[in-house]
């Protein structure tokens, strides 16, 4: 059984060597001669106008993080949805390879369903928190800092 893992390990090591070897090789043989022309940002052959480093609004970051959290949720739900039908009948339809799961009672489908329901409730509470804090609002009021005393 462990021979199959050895194949995956060897494949991973070969893939790592294929990626890392050219990077290291070219870093060793390339000439290092920095100049002002090489360090300037490239703008399609034209002189750059303005600063090359543009600050993005923090709201893009917040929306990105929220999106990633809910995409990871989908990754957790997909395998659950695939095997839920087998658990619904008490494990009668599970493969013979899962011998310890053959003797499950009929309540197993309910337990598996409740586990996913708890997972979704936790995510819904997180979404409600983000919504209540106003992080889903694209246009928000700017808050002023405390005014100085005279």
N, C-alpha and C. Protein backbone atom coordinates (compact mmCIF):
# COMPACT_ATOMS: atom_id res chain seq x y z
N UNK A 1 0.82 -1.19 0.00
CA UNK A 1 0.00 0.00 0.00
C UNK A 1 0.86 1.25 0.00
N UNK A 2 1.98 1.22 0.71
CA UNK A 2 2.82 2.41 0.80
C UNK A 2 3.60 2.66 -0.49
N UNK A 3 3.64 1.66 -1.38
CA UNK A 3 4.32 1.87 -2.66
C UNK A 3 3.64 2.96 -3.46
N UNK A 4 2.32 3.06 -3.34
CA UNK A 4 1.58 4.09 -4.06
C UNK A 4 1.98 5.48 -3.57
N UNK A 5 2.19 5.60 -2.27
CA UNK A 5 2.64 6.88 -1.73
C UNK A 5 4.06 7.20 -2.18
N UNK A 6 4.87 6.16 -2.36
CA UNK A 6 6.23 6.38 -2.83
C UNK A 6 6.22 6.97 -4.24
N UNK A 7 5.32 6.51 -5.07
CA UNK A 7 5.21 7.06 -6.43
C UNK A 7 4.84 8.54 -6.38
N UNK A 8 3.91 8.88 -5.53
CA UNK A 8 3.51 10.29 -5.40
C UNK A 8 4.66 11.12 -4.86
N UNK A 9 5.39 10.58 -3.89
CA UNK A 9 6.54 11.30 -3.33
C UNK A 9 7.62 11.52 -4.38
N UNK A 10 7.92 10.49 -5.16
CA UNK A 10 8.93 10.62 -6.22
C UNK A 10 8.47 11.64 -7.26
N UNK A 11 7.21 11.60 -7.64
CA UNK A 11 6.67 12.57 -8.59
C UNK A 11 6.80 13.99 -8.05
N UNK A 12 6.50 14.18 -6.77
CA UNK A 12 6.62 15.50 -6.16
C UNK A 12 8.06 15.99 -6.13
N UNK A 13 8.99 15.08 -5.83
CA UNK A 13 10.40 15.47 -5.80
C UNK A 13 10.90 15.84 -7.20
N UNK A 14 10.50 15.09 -8.21
CA UNK A 14 10.92 15.41 -9.58
C UNK A 14 10.32 16.74 -10.01
N UNK A 15 9.06 16.98 -9.68
CA UNK A 15 8.43 18.26 -10.03
C UNK A 15 9.13 19.42 -9.34
N UNK A 16 9.52 19.23 -8.09
CA UNK A 16 10.23 20.28 -7.37
C UNK A 16 11.58 20.57 -8.01
N UNK A 17 12.30 19.53 -8.40
CA UNK A 17 13.60 19.72 -9.05
C UNK A 17 13.42 20.44 -10.38
N UNK A 18 12.39 20.08 -11.15
CA UNK A 18 12.16 20.72 -12.45
C UNK A 18 11.85 22.20 -12.28
N UNK A 19 11.20 22.57 -11.20
CA UNK A 19 10.87 23.98 -10.98
C UNK A 19 12.05 24.74 -10.39
N UNK A 20 12.72 24.17 -9.40
CA UNK A 20 13.76 24.89 -8.66
C UNK A 20 15.08 24.94 -9.42
N UNK A 21 15.44 23.88 -10.13
CA UNK A 21 16.75 23.82 -10.79
C UNK A 21 16.98 24.96 -11.78
N UNK A 22 16.06 25.28 -12.69
CA UNK A 22 16.32 26.40 -13.59
C UNK A 22 16.42 27.74 -12.87
N UNK A 23 15.64 27.93 -11.84
CA UNK A 23 15.71 29.19 -11.10
C UNK A 23 17.08 29.37 -10.48
N UNK A 24 17.57 28.33 -9.82
CA UNK A 24 18.89 28.40 -9.17
C UNK A 24 19.99 28.51 -10.22
N UNK A 25 19.90 27.73 -11.28
CA UNK A 25 20.92 27.75 -12.33
C UNK A 25 21.03 29.13 -12.97
N UNK A 26 19.91 29.72 -13.35
CA UNK A 26 19.95 31.02 -14.01
C UNK A 26 20.33 32.13 -13.03
N UNK A 27 20.03 31.97 -11.75
CA UNK A 27 20.46 32.97 -10.77
C UNK A 27 21.98 32.94 -10.61
N UNK A 28 22.59 31.78 -10.79
CA UNK A 28 24.04 31.67 -10.66
C UNK A 28 24.79 32.17 -11.89
N UNK A 29 24.24 31.99 -13.09
CA UNK A 29 25.00 32.33 -14.29
C UNK A 29 24.65 33.69 -14.89
N UNK A 30 23.61 34.35 -14.43
CA UNK A 30 23.25 35.62 -15.05
C UNK A 30 24.17 36.74 -14.56
N UNK A 31 24.44 37.72 -15.40
CA UNK A 31 25.25 38.86 -14.95
C UNK A 31 24.40 39.81 -14.11
N UNK A 32 25.00 40.33 -13.06
CA UNK A 32 24.29 41.27 -12.19
C UNK A 32 24.88 42.65 -12.42
N UNK A 33 24.20 43.44 -13.23
CA UNK A 33 24.63 44.81 -13.51
C UNK A 33 23.43 45.74 -13.41
N UNK A 34 23.05 46.14 -12.21
CA UNK A 34 21.87 47.01 -12.10
C UNK A 34 22.17 48.39 -12.68
N UNK A 35 21.19 48.96 -13.34
CA UNK A 35 21.31 50.31 -13.87
C UNK A 35 19.99 51.03 -13.65
N UNK A 36 20.00 52.33 -13.84
CA UNK A 36 18.76 53.08 -13.62
C UNK A 36 17.70 52.68 -14.63
N UNK A 37 18.11 52.30 -15.83
CA UNK A 37 17.14 51.89 -16.85
C UNK A 37 16.49 50.56 -16.47
N UNK A 38 17.27 49.64 -15.90
CA UNK A 38 16.72 48.34 -15.50
C UNK A 38 15.81 48.47 -14.28
N UNK A 39 16.06 49.44 -13.43
CA UNK A 39 15.28 49.59 -12.22
C UNK A 39 14.02 50.43 -12.42
N UNK A 40 13.85 51.03 -13.58
CA UNK A 40 12.65 51.85 -13.82
C UNK A 40 11.49 50.96 -14.25
N UNK A 41 10.26 51.34 -13.90
CA UNK A 41 9.11 50.54 -14.32
C UNK A 41 8.89 50.66 -15.83
N UNK A 42 8.50 49.57 -16.44
CA UNK A 42 8.31 49.55 -17.90
C UNK A 42 6.87 49.94 -18.22
N UNK A 43 6.70 50.94 -19.08
CA UNK A 43 5.38 51.42 -19.46
C UNK A 43 5.22 51.36 -20.98
N UNK A 44 5.37 50.22 -21.57
CA UNK A 44 5.17 50.02 -23.01
C UNK A 44 6.03 50.95 -23.86
N UNK A 45 7.23 51.22 -23.44
CA UNK A 45 8.14 52.04 -24.22
C UNK A 45 7.99 53.53 -24.00
N UNK A 46 7.05 53.95 -23.18
CA UNK A 46 6.86 55.38 -22.92
C UNK A 46 7.41 55.73 -21.55
N UNK A 47 7.69 56.99 -21.37
CA UNK A 47 8.16 57.46 -20.06
C UNK A 47 7.03 57.31 -19.05
N UNK A 48 7.32 56.78 -17.87
CA UNK A 48 6.27 56.62 -16.86
C UNK A 48 5.78 57.97 -16.34
N UNK A 49 4.49 58.04 -16.08
CA UNK A 49 3.87 59.25 -15.54
C UNK A 49 3.33 58.90 -14.16
N UNK A 50 3.71 59.63 -13.15
CA UNK A 50 3.24 59.38 -11.80
C UNK A 50 4.08 58.34 -11.09
N UNK A 51 3.59 57.94 -9.95
CA UNK A 51 4.30 56.96 -9.12
C UNK A 51 3.99 55.54 -9.60
N UNK A 52 4.98 54.64 -9.56
CA UNK A 52 4.71 53.27 -9.97
C UNK A 52 3.95 52.47 -8.91
N UNK A 53 3.99 52.89 -7.67
CA UNK A 53 3.32 52.16 -6.60
C UNK A 53 2.00 52.86 -6.30
N UNK A 54 0.92 52.21 -6.65
CA UNK A 54 -0.41 52.77 -6.44
C UNK A 54 -1.02 52.05 -5.25
N UNK A 55 -1.57 52.83 -4.33
CA UNK A 55 -2.22 52.22 -3.17
C UNK A 55 -3.66 51.88 -3.52
N UNK A 56 -4.04 50.64 -3.28
CA UNK A 56 -5.40 50.21 -3.54
C UNK A 56 -6.24 50.43 -2.30
N UNK A 57 -7.51 50.60 -2.51
CA UNK A 57 -8.44 50.76 -1.41
C UNK A 57 -8.50 49.46 -0.60
N UNK A 58 -8.58 49.57 0.70
CA UNK A 58 -8.59 48.40 1.58
C UNK A 58 -9.84 47.56 1.38
N UNK A 59 -10.88 48.14 0.82
CA UNK A 59 -12.12 47.39 0.61
C UNK A 59 -11.92 46.23 -0.37
N UNK A 60 -11.02 46.39 -1.32
CA UNK A 60 -10.72 45.29 -2.23
C UNK A 60 -10.18 44.09 -1.45
N UNK A 61 -9.33 44.36 -0.48
CA UNK A 61 -8.75 43.30 0.34
C UNK A 61 -9.83 42.59 1.15
N UNK A 62 -10.73 43.36 1.76
CA UNK A 62 -11.79 42.77 2.59
C UNK A 62 -12.70 41.90 1.74
N UNK A 63 -13.10 42.39 0.58
CA UNK A 63 -13.97 41.61 -0.30
C UNK A 63 -13.25 40.34 -0.75
N UNK A 64 -11.98 40.43 -1.02
CA UNK A 64 -11.19 39.27 -1.45
C UNK A 64 -11.14 38.22 -0.33
N UNK A 65 -10.90 38.64 0.89
CA UNK A 65 -10.84 37.69 2.01
C UNK A 65 -12.19 37.02 2.22
N UNK A 66 -13.28 37.79 2.16
CA UNK A 66 -14.61 37.21 2.33
C UNK A 66 -14.88 36.20 1.22
N UNK A 67 -14.51 36.54 0.00
CA UNK A 67 -14.70 35.62 -1.13
C UNK A 67 -13.92 34.33 -0.91
N UNK A 68 -12.68 34.43 -0.47
CA UNK A 68 -11.85 33.24 -0.25
C UNK A 68 -12.45 32.36 0.84
N UNK A 69 -12.95 32.97 1.91
CA UNK A 69 -13.56 32.18 3.00
C UNK A 69 -14.73 31.37 2.47
N UNK A 70 -15.59 31.99 1.67
CA UNK A 70 -16.75 31.26 1.19
C UNK A 70 -16.41 30.28 0.07
N UNK A 71 -15.32 30.50 -0.64
CA UNK A 71 -14.88 29.50 -1.62
C UNK A 71 -14.32 28.28 -0.90
N UNK A 72 -13.62 28.47 0.19
CA UNK A 72 -13.12 27.34 0.97
C UNK A 72 -14.30 26.57 1.56
N UNK A 73 -15.36 27.28 1.92
CA UNK A 73 -16.56 26.61 2.41
C UNK A 73 -17.10 25.65 1.35
N UNK A 74 -17.12 26.07 0.11
CA UNK A 74 -17.60 25.20 -0.96
C UNK A 74 -16.70 23.98 -1.10
N UNK A 75 -15.40 24.16 -0.92
CA UNK A 75 -14.49 23.01 -0.98
C UNK A 75 -14.78 22.00 0.11
N UNK A 76 -15.20 22.46 1.28
CA UNK A 76 -15.55 21.54 2.35
C UNK A 76 -16.91 20.89 2.13
N UNK A 77 -17.81 21.60 1.47
CA UNK A 77 -19.16 21.07 1.27
C UNK A 77 -19.23 20.05 0.14
N UNK A 78 -18.39 20.17 -0.86
CA UNK A 78 -18.48 19.28 -2.02
C UNK A 78 -18.27 17.80 -1.65
N UNK A 79 -17.20 17.44 -0.94
CA UNK A 79 -17.06 16.01 -0.59
C UNK A 79 -18.19 15.53 0.32
N UNK A 80 -18.65 16.40 1.19
CA UNK A 80 -19.75 16.03 2.07
C UNK A 80 -20.99 15.72 1.24
N UNK A 81 -21.29 16.55 0.26
CA UNK A 81 -22.47 16.34 -0.57
C UNK A 81 -22.35 15.06 -1.39
N UNK A 82 -21.14 14.71 -1.79
CA UNK A 82 -20.95 13.50 -2.59
C UNK A 82 -21.24 12.25 -1.77
N UNK A 83 -20.81 12.21 -0.52
CA UNK A 83 -20.99 10.99 0.28
C UNK A 83 -22.24 11.03 1.16
N UNK A 84 -22.97 12.14 1.16
CA UNK A 84 -24.13 12.22 2.05
C UNK A 84 -25.19 11.19 1.69
N UNK A 85 -25.39 10.93 0.43
CA UNK A 85 -26.40 9.96 0.02
C UNK A 85 -26.09 8.58 0.59
N UNK A 86 -24.81 8.22 0.65
CA UNK A 86 -24.44 6.91 1.21
C UNK A 86 -24.70 6.87 2.71
N UNK A 87 -24.49 7.97 3.40
CA UNK A 87 -24.73 8.00 4.85
C UNK A 87 -26.22 8.07 5.17
N UNK A 88 -27.02 8.56 4.24
CA UNK A 88 -28.44 8.75 4.51
C UNK A 88 -29.13 7.43 4.82
N UNK A 89 -28.74 6.33 4.14
CA UNK A 89 -29.38 5.04 4.44
C UNK A 89 -28.66 4.28 5.54
N UNK A 90 -27.92 4.96 6.36
CA UNK A 90 -27.25 4.29 7.47
C UNK A 90 -25.97 3.61 7.04
N UNK A 91 -25.40 4.01 5.95
CA UNK A 91 -24.13 3.45 5.52
C UNK A 91 -24.25 2.16 4.74
N UNK A 92 -25.46 1.78 4.32
CA UNK A 92 -25.63 0.52 3.60
C UNK A 92 -24.98 0.56 2.22
N UNK A 93 -24.88 1.74 1.61
CA UNK A 93 -24.35 1.84 0.25
C UNK A 93 -22.86 2.15 0.20
N UNK A 94 -22.21 2.19 1.35
CA UNK A 94 -20.78 2.49 1.35
C UNK A 94 -19.99 1.33 0.77
N UNK A 95 -18.83 1.62 0.24
CA UNK A 95 -18.00 0.59 -0.38
C UNK A 95 -17.53 -0.42 0.66
N UNK A 96 -17.19 -1.61 0.21
CA UNK A 96 -16.74 -2.68 1.10
C UNK A 96 -15.38 -2.35 1.72
N UNK A 97 -14.64 -1.43 1.10
CA UNK A 97 -13.33 -1.07 1.64
C UNK A 97 -13.46 -0.38 2.99
N UNK A 98 -14.59 0.25 3.22
CA UNK A 98 -14.81 0.93 4.50
C UNK A 98 -15.56 -0.03 5.42
N UNK A 99 -14.93 -1.10 5.80
CA UNK A 99 -15.58 -2.15 6.58
C UNK A 99 -16.09 -1.69 7.93
N UNK A 100 -15.37 -0.77 8.58
CA UNK A 100 -15.81 -0.32 9.90
C UNK A 100 -17.05 0.55 9.81
N UNK A 101 -17.38 1.06 8.62
CA UNK A 101 -18.56 1.90 8.47
C UNK A 101 -19.80 1.11 8.08
N UNK A 102 -19.66 -0.21 7.88
CA UNK A 102 -20.80 -1.01 7.43
C UNK A 102 -21.86 -1.17 8.51
N UNK A 103 -21.46 -1.15 9.75
CA UNK A 103 -22.40 -1.42 10.84
C UNK A 103 -23.00 -0.16 11.43
N UNK A 104 -23.13 0.87 10.64
CA UNK A 104 -23.69 2.12 11.15
C UNK A 104 -25.20 2.00 11.29
N UNK A 105 -25.73 2.71 12.25
CA UNK A 105 -27.17 2.72 12.47
C UNK A 105 -27.82 3.74 11.53
N UNK A 106 -29.13 3.75 11.48
CA UNK A 106 -29.87 4.64 10.59
C UNK A 106 -29.73 6.11 10.95
N UNK A 107 -29.32 6.43 12.18
CA UNK A 107 -29.22 7.82 12.60
C UNK A 107 -27.96 8.50 12.08
N UNK A 108 -27.09 7.77 11.41
CA UNK A 108 -25.85 8.35 10.94
C UNK A 108 -26.10 9.46 9.93
N UNK A 109 -27.08 9.28 9.05
CA UNK A 109 -27.41 10.32 8.08
C UNK A 109 -27.83 11.61 8.76
N UNK A 110 -28.58 11.50 9.85
CA UNK A 110 -29.01 12.68 10.60
C UNK A 110 -27.81 13.36 11.26
N UNK A 111 -26.90 12.57 11.81
CA UNK A 111 -25.71 13.13 12.46
C UNK A 111 -24.85 13.87 11.45
N UNK A 112 -24.63 13.26 10.28
CA UNK A 112 -23.83 13.90 9.24
C UNK A 112 -24.51 15.18 8.77
N UNK A 113 -25.82 15.16 8.63
CA UNK A 113 -26.56 16.35 8.22
C UNK A 113 -26.44 17.46 9.27
N UNK A 114 -26.55 17.10 10.55
CA UNK A 114 -26.44 18.11 11.61
C UNK A 114 -25.03 18.70 11.68
N UNK A 115 -24.02 17.89 11.42
CA UNK A 115 -22.66 18.43 11.40
C UNK A 115 -22.51 19.50 10.32
N UNK A 116 -23.04 19.24 9.14
CA UNK A 116 -22.95 20.24 8.07
C UNK A 116 -23.82 21.45 8.40
N UNK A 117 -24.94 21.23 9.04
CA UNK A 117 -25.80 22.35 9.43
C UNK A 117 -25.09 23.25 10.43
N UNK A 118 -24.37 22.67 11.39
CA UNK A 118 -23.60 23.46 12.35
C UNK A 118 -22.51 24.24 11.62
N UNK A 119 -21.84 23.61 10.67
CA UNK A 119 -20.82 24.29 9.87
C UNK A 119 -21.40 25.49 9.14
N UNK A 120 -22.57 25.32 8.53
CA UNK A 120 -23.21 26.42 7.81
C UNK A 120 -23.68 27.52 8.75
N UNK A 121 -24.14 27.15 9.94
CA UNK A 121 -24.57 28.17 10.91
C UNK A 121 -23.39 29.02 11.35
N UNK A 122 -22.24 28.38 11.59
CA UNK A 122 -21.04 29.14 11.97
C UNK A 122 -20.66 30.11 10.86
N UNK A 123 -20.72 29.66 9.61
CA UNK A 123 -20.42 30.56 8.49
C UNK A 123 -21.45 31.67 8.37
N UNK A 124 -22.72 31.36 8.61
CA UNK A 124 -23.76 32.39 8.55
C UNK A 124 -23.56 33.43 9.64
N UNK A 125 -23.14 33.00 10.82
CA UNK A 125 -22.85 33.95 11.90
C UNK A 125 -21.68 34.85 11.51
N UNK A 126 -20.66 34.27 10.88
CA UNK A 126 -19.54 35.08 10.40
C UNK A 126 -19.98 36.09 9.35
N UNK A 127 -20.84 35.67 8.43
CA UNK A 127 -21.35 36.59 7.42
C UNK A 127 -22.19 37.69 8.05
N UNK A 128 -23.02 37.34 9.03
CA UNK A 128 -23.84 38.34 9.71
C UNK A 128 -22.95 39.35 10.45
N UNK A 129 -21.87 38.88 11.04
CA UNK A 129 -20.94 39.77 11.74
C UNK A 129 -20.29 40.75 10.76
N UNK A 130 -19.82 40.23 9.62
CA UNK A 130 -19.19 41.10 8.63
C UNK A 130 -20.20 42.11 8.09
N UNK A 131 -21.43 41.66 7.89
CA UNK A 131 -22.48 42.55 7.39
C UNK A 131 -22.81 43.62 8.42
N UNK A 132 -22.92 43.21 9.70
CA UNK A 132 -23.24 44.17 10.77
C UNK A 132 -22.13 45.20 10.95
N UNK A 133 -20.89 44.80 10.76
CA UNK A 133 -19.77 45.73 10.88
C UNK A 133 -19.68 46.68 9.69
N UNK A 134 -20.43 46.40 8.62
CA UNK A 134 -20.44 47.28 7.46
C UNK A 134 -19.34 47.01 6.47
N UNK A 135 -18.70 45.86 6.54
CA UNK A 135 -17.60 45.57 5.62
C UNK A 135 -18.09 45.18 4.23
N UNK A 136 -19.38 44.90 4.08
CA UNK A 136 -19.92 44.60 2.77
C UNK A 136 -20.41 45.86 2.05
N UNK A 137 -20.43 46.99 2.76
CA UNK A 137 -20.82 48.26 2.15
C UNK A 137 -19.64 48.80 1.37
N UNK A 138 -19.83 49.07 0.09
CA UNK A 138 -18.72 49.58 -0.70
C UNK A 138 -18.47 51.05 -0.40
N UNK A 139 -19.53 51.82 -0.23
CA UNK A 139 -19.39 53.24 0.09
C UNK A 139 -19.79 53.41 1.55
N UNK A 140 -18.83 53.81 2.37
CA UNK A 140 -19.08 53.97 3.79
C UNK A 140 -18.74 55.38 4.21
N UNK A 141 -19.31 55.78 5.33
CA UNK A 141 -18.96 57.07 5.91
C UNK A 141 -17.54 57.01 6.44
N UNK A 142 -16.83 58.10 6.27
CA UNK A 142 -15.50 58.16 6.87
C UNK A 142 -15.66 58.67 8.29
N UNK A 143 -14.99 58.02 9.19
CA UNK A 143 -15.08 58.44 10.58
C UNK A 143 -13.96 59.42 10.88
N UNK A 144 -14.30 60.44 11.62
CA UNK A 144 -13.30 61.42 12.01
C UNK A 144 -12.67 61.00 13.32
N UNK A 145 -11.42 61.35 13.48
CA UNK A 145 -10.72 61.05 14.72
C UNK A 145 -11.19 61.97 15.83
N UNK A 146 -10.75 61.73 17.05
CA UNK A 146 -11.15 62.60 18.15
C UNK A 146 -10.61 64.02 17.94
N UNK A 147 -11.46 64.97 18.18
CA UNK A 147 -11.04 66.36 17.99
C UNK A 147 -10.15 66.79 19.14
N UNK A 148 -9.19 67.61 18.82
CA UNK A 148 -8.23 68.07 19.82
C UNK A 148 -8.86 69.12 20.71
N UNK A 149 -8.52 69.07 21.97
CA UNK A 149 -9.02 70.07 22.91
C UNK A 149 -8.16 71.32 22.81
N UNK A 150 -8.79 72.49 22.96
CA UNK A 150 -8.03 73.75 22.90
C UNK A 150 -7.26 73.99 24.17
